[in-house]
Amino acid sequence: MTSPFRGRATGGRAASAGLASSSLEDELSCSICLSLYRNPVSLCCGHSFCKQCVQKALGVQQQAKASYSCPLCRVELGPILELQNNFHLCSIVERYLANKGKQDKGFATEKGEAVPCDFSADCSSGPFSFSFFSCMATGFW
């Protein structure tokens, strides 16, 4: 008999949180460098990029003596280029990174990093034994 979960992620809440985090990270990533936005700016077409990334892309266009266009949608930007700092997007990325840092400290990651139990004083000094459901040093559930 085949399992109804075949082919699906069965990691529960942690897996769905990871997928949501990955999707949000994709939305908060520059389409040029594919990293989280650093100093995001917006073009008149509404697309946002890292300031350094879009400056490099537009610099290549300038060297080719082409008119400026958005690296994503190719809309012409005109002869005078205005890069608008996107403060709102910058604060969203900063908040995402702060929350991601808190989550990374709260859960053991797939990389094998261990997170000590915070339920008992016996776990505050090594050697550590880790478990998802209980502190193995004290047996505390």
C-alpha atoms as a PDB file:
ATOM      1  CA  MET A   1       0.000   0.000   0.000  1.00  0.00           C
ATOM      2  CA  THR A   2       1.341   3.436  -0.901  1.00  0.00           C
ATOM      3  CA  SER A   3       1.732   6.136   1.680  1.00  0.00           C
ATOM      4  CA  PRO A   4      -0.434   9.242   1.156  1.00  0.00           C
ATOM      5  CA  PHE A   5       2.646  11.310   2.028  1.00  0.00           C
ATOM      6  CA  ARG A   6       4.849   9.908  -0.720  1.00  0.00           C
ATOM      7  CA  GLY A   7       6.656  12.699  -2.505  1.00  0.00           C
ATOM      8  CA  ARG A   8       5.638  15.324   0.057  1.00  0.00           C
ATOM      9  CA  ALA A   9       7.735  17.037   2.671  1.00  0.00           C
ATOM     10  CA  THR A  10       6.778  15.482   5.991  1.00  0.00           C
ATOM     11  CA  GLY A  11       8.841  17.659   8.293  1.00  0.00           C
ATOM     12  CA  GLY A  12       5.761  19.306   9.779  1.00  0.00           C
ATOM     13  CA  ARG A  13       5.824  22.874  10.989  1.00  0.00           C
ATOM     14  CA  ALA A  14       9.606  23.239  10.645  1.00  0.00           C
ATOM     15  CA  ALA A  15       9.506  22.185   6.991  1.00  0.00           C
ATOM     16  CA  SER A  16       6.626  24.510   6.132  1.00  0.00           C
ATOM     17  CA  ALA A  17       8.349  27.356   7.973  1.00  0.00           C
ATOM     18  CA  GLY A  18      11.478  26.640   5.954  1.00  0.00           C
ATOM     19  CA  LEU A  19       9.520  26.739   2.697  1.00  0.00           C
ATOM     20  CA  ALA A  20       7.820  29.988   3.676  1.00  0.00           C
ATOM     21  CA  SER A  21      11.154  31.454   4.703  1.00  0.00           C
ATOM     22  CA  SER A  22      12.711  30.392   1.405  1.00  0.00           C
ATOM     23  CA  SER A  23       9.832  31.920  -0.561  1.00  0.00           C
ATOM     24  CA  LEU A  24      10.095  35.187   1.378  1.00  0.00           C
ATOM     25  CA  GLU A  25      13.849  35.189   0.904  1.00  0.00           C
ATOM     26  CA  ASP A  26      13.327  34.838  -2.851  1.00  0.00           C
ATOM     27  CA  GLU A  27      10.999  37.856  -2.792  1.00  0.00           C
ATOM     28  CA  LEU A  28      13.581  39.865  -0.829  1.00  0.00           C
ATOM     29  CA  SER A  29      16.401  39.000  -3.227  1.00  0.00           C
ATOM     30  CA  CYS A  30      17.909  41.125  -5.973  1.00  0.00           C
ATOM     31  CA  SER A  31      17.273  39.629  -9.425  1.00  0.00           C
ATOM     32  CA  ILE A  32      20.806  40.571 -10.495  1.00  0.00           C
ATOM     33  CA  CYS A  33      22.989  39.126  -7.712  1.00  0.00           C
ATOM     34  CA  LEU A  34      20.335  36.733  -6.292  1.00  0.00           C
ATOM     35  CA  SER A  35      21.247  37.753  -2.728  1.00  0.00           C
ATOM     36  CA  LEU A  36      19.143  39.601  -0.206  1.00  0.00           C
ATOM     37  CA  TYR A  37      18.856  43.275  -1.105  1.00  0.00           C
ATOM     38  CA  ARG A  38      21.743  45.449   0.042  1.00  0.00           C
ATOM     39  CA  ASN A  39      20.936  49.167  -0.075  1.00  0.00           C
ATOM     40  CA  PRO A  40      17.876  48.616  -2.327  1.00  0.00           C
ATOM     41  CA  VAL A  41      16.892  51.229  -4.890  1.00  0.00           C
ATOM     42  CA  SER A  42      13.846  51.400  -7.141  1.00  0.00           C
ATOM     43  CA  LEU A  43      13.642  52.402 -10.772  1.00  0.00           C
ATOM     44  CA  CYS A  44      10.740  54.372 -12.271  1.00  0.00           C
ATOM     45  CA  CYS A  45       9.259  51.089 -13.590  1.00  0.00           C
ATOM     46  CA  GLY A  46       8.881  49.912  -9.974  1.00  0.00           C
ATOM     47  CA  HIS A  47      11.530  47.186  -9.955  1.00  0.00           C
ATOM     48  CA  SER A  48      14.067  47.162  -7.125  1.00  0.00           C
ATOM     49  CA  PHE A  49      17.704  46.084  -7.084  1.00  0.00           C
ATOM     50  CA  CYS A  50      20.770  46.419  -4.897  1.00  0.00           C
ATOM     51  CA  LYS A  51      22.179  49.873  -5.601  1.00  0.00           C
ATOM     52  CA  GLN A  52      25.607  48.513  -6.549  1.00  0.00           C
ATOM     53  CA  CYS A  53      24.109  45.821  -8.816  1.00  0.00           C
ATOM     54  CA  VAL A  54      21.920  48.195 -10.814  1.00  0.00           C
ATOM     55  CA  GLN A  55      24.720  50.759 -11.074  1.00  0.00           C
ATOM     56  CA  LYS A  56      26.971  48.094 -12.624  1.00  0.00           C
ATOM     57  CA  ALA A  57      24.227  46.945 -15.011  1.00  0.00           C
ATOM     58  CA  LEU A  58      23.450  50.502 -16.075  1.00  0.00           C
ATOM     59  CA  GLY A  59      27.178  51.249 -16.379  1.00  0.00           C
ATOM     60  CA  VAL A  60      27.467  48.450 -18.944  1.00  0.00           C
ATOM     61  CA  GLN A  61      24.562  49.998 -20.865  1.00  0.00           C
ATOM     62  CA  GLN A  62      26.268  53.394 -20.721  1.00  0.00           C
ATOM     63  CA  GLN A  63      29.553  51.954 -22.054  1.00  0.00           C
ATOM     64  CA  ALA A  64      27.637  50.345 -24.913  1.00  0.00           C
ATOM     65  CA  LYS A  65      26.136  53.792 -25.627  1.00  0.00           C
ATOM     66  CA  ALA A  66      22.666  52.300 -25.209  1.00  0.00           C
ATOM     67  CA  SER A  67      19.801  54.099 -23.548  1.00  0.00           C
ATOM     68  CA  TYR A  68      19.173  53.132 -19.951  1.00  0.00           C
ATOM     69  CA  SER A  69      16.647  50.345 -19.452  1.00  0.00           C
ATOM     70  CA  CYS A  70      15.501  48.249 -16.510  1.00  0.00           C
ATOM     71  CA  PRO A  71      17.596  45.064 -16.288  1.00  0.00           C
ATOM     72  CA  LEU A  72      14.416  43.075 -15.548  1.00  0.00           C
ATOM     73  CA  CYS A  73      11.611  44.392 -17.763  1.00  0.00           C
ATOM     74  CA  ARG A  74      13.715  46.391 -20.291  1.00  0.00           C
ATOM     75  CA  VAL A  75      11.509  49.498 -19.989  1.00  0.00           C
ATOM     76  CA  GLU A  76      13.456  52.559 -21.133  1.00  0.00           C
ATOM     77  CA  LEU A  77      14.360  54.744 -18.191  1.00  0.00           C
ATOM     78  CA  GLY A  78      15.209  57.937 -20.031  1.00  0.00           C
ATOM     79  CA  PRO A  79      18.420  59.921 -20.366  1.00  0.00           C
ATOM     80  CA  ILE A  80      18.447  61.162 -16.763  1.00  0.00           C
ATOM     81  CA  LEU A  81      18.556  58.279 -14.347  1.00  0.00           C
ATOM     82  CA  GLU A  82      17.048  58.544 -10.886  1.00  0.00           C
ATOM     83  CA  LEU A  83      17.679  55.754  -8.412  1.00  0.00           C
ATOM     84  CA  GLN A  84      15.255  56.110  -5.515  1.00  0.00           C
ATOM     85  CA  ASN A  85      16.345  54.640  -2.202  1.00  0.00           C
ATOM     86  CA  ASN A  86      13.758  52.067  -1.175  1.00  0.00           C
ATOM     87  CA  PHE A  87      13.768  52.592   2.595  1.00  0.00           C
ATOM     88  CA  HIS A  88      10.674  50.449   3.118  1.00  0.00           C
ATOM     89  CA  LEU A  89      12.201  47.441   1.374  1.00  0.00           C
ATOM     90  CA  CYS A  90      15.433  47.990   3.294  1.00  0.00           C
ATOM     91  CA  SER A  91      13.583  47.848   6.630  1.00  0.00           C
ATOM     92  CA  ILE A  92      11.704  44.693   5.556  1.00  0.00           C
ATOM     93  CA  VAL A  93      15.007  42.957   4.712  1.00  0.00           C
ATOM     94  CA  GLU A  94      16.508  44.063   8.029  1.00  0.00           C
ATOM     95  CA  ARG A  95      13.479  42.739   9.939  1.00  0.00           C
ATOM     96  CA  TYR A  96      13.616  39.463   7.993  1.00  0.00           C
ATOM     97  CA  LEU A  97      17.303  39.017   8.860  1.00  0.00           C
ATOM     98  CA  ALA A  98      16.648  39.796  12.532  1.00  0.00           C
ATOM     99  CA  ASN A  99      13.814  37.247  12.686  1.00  0.00           C
ATOM    100  CA  LYS A 100      15.831  34.678  10.773  1.00  0.00           C
ATOM    101  CA  GLY A 101      18.660  35.077  13.283  1.00  0.00           C
ATOM    102  CA  LYS A 102      16.236  34.411  16.142  1.00  0.00           C
ATOM    103  CA  GLN A 103      14.880  31.307  14.406  1.00  0.00           C
ATOM    104  CA  ASP A 104      18.372  29.984  13.709  1.00  0.00           C
ATOM    105  CA  LYS A 105      19.196  30.251  17.414  1.00  0.00           C
ATOM    106  CA  GLY A 106      15.940  28.553  18.427  1.00  0.00           C
ATOM    107  CA  PHE A 107      16.117  25.386  16.317  1.00  0.00           C
ATOM    108  CA  ALA A 108      18.756  22.838  15.392  1.00  0.00           C
ATOM    109  CA  THR A 109      19.518  23.248  11.720  1.00  0.00           C
ATOM    110  CA  GLU A 110      20.003  20.640   9.047  1.00  0.00           C
ATOM    111  CA  LYS A 111      23.722  21.465   9.106  1.00  0.00           C
ATOM    112  CA  GLY A 112      24.031  19.544  12.352  1.00  0.00           C
ATOM    113  CA  GLU A 113      24.419  22.597  14.549  1.00  0.00           C
ATOM    114  CA  ALA A 114      23.308  21.743  18.054  1.00  0.00           C
ATOM    115  CA  VAL A 115      21.092  23.980  20.134  1.00  0.00           C
ATOM    116  CA  PRO A 116      21.347  23.368  23.877  1.00  0.00           C
ATOM    117  CA  CYS A 117      18.288  22.593  25.932  1.00  0.00           C
ATOM    118  CA  ASP A 118      17.077  25.646  27.848  1.00  0.00           C
ATOM    119  CA  PHE A 119      14.751  23.779  30.214  1.00  0.00           C
ATOM    120  CA  SER A 120      17.244  22.750  32.835  1.00  0.00           C
ATOM    121  CA  ALA A 121      20.388  24.018  34.513  1.00  0.00           C
ATOM    122  CA  ASP A 122      22.097  20.639  33.977  1.00  0.00           C
ATOM    123  CA  CYS A 123      22.434  21.425  30.294  1.00  0.00           C
ATOM    124  CA  SER A 124      24.255  24.694  30.810  1.00  0.00           C
ATOM    125  CA  SER A 125      27.642  22.987  30.882  1.00  0.00           C
ATOM    126  CA  GLY A 126      28.957  20.154  28.709  1.00  0.00           C
ATOM    127  CA  PRO A 127      29.084  17.451  27.671  1.00  0.00           C
ATOM    128  CA  PHE A 128      25.801  17.935  25.817  1.00  0.00           C
ATOM    129  CA  SER A 129      23.321  15.386  24.594  1.00  0.00           C
ATOM    130  CA  PHE A 130      20.619  16.809  22.371  1.00  0.00           C
ATOM    131  CA  SER A 131      17.169  15.678  21.419  1.00  0.00           C
ATOM    132  CA  PHE A 132      14.151  17.279  19.826  1.00  0.00           C
ATOM    133  CA  PHE A 133      11.751  16.092  22.480  1.00  0.00           C
ATOM    134  CA  SER A 134      13.619  16.084  25.744  1.00  0.00           C
ATOM    135  CA  CYS A 135      16.833  16.995  27.451  1.00  0.00           C
ATOM    136  CA  MET A 136      18.827  13.784  27.430  1.00  0.00           C
ATOM    137  CA  ALA A 137      21.078  14.953  30.261  1.00  0.00           C
ATOM    138  CA  THR A 138      18.203  15.247  32.732  1.00  0.00           C
ATOM    139  CA  GLY A 139      15.406  13.329  31.042  1.00  0.00           C
ATOM    140  CA  PHE A 140      13.235  16.484  31.316  1.00  0.00           C
ATOM    141  CA  TRP A 141      10.345  16.510  28.826  1.00  0.00           C
END
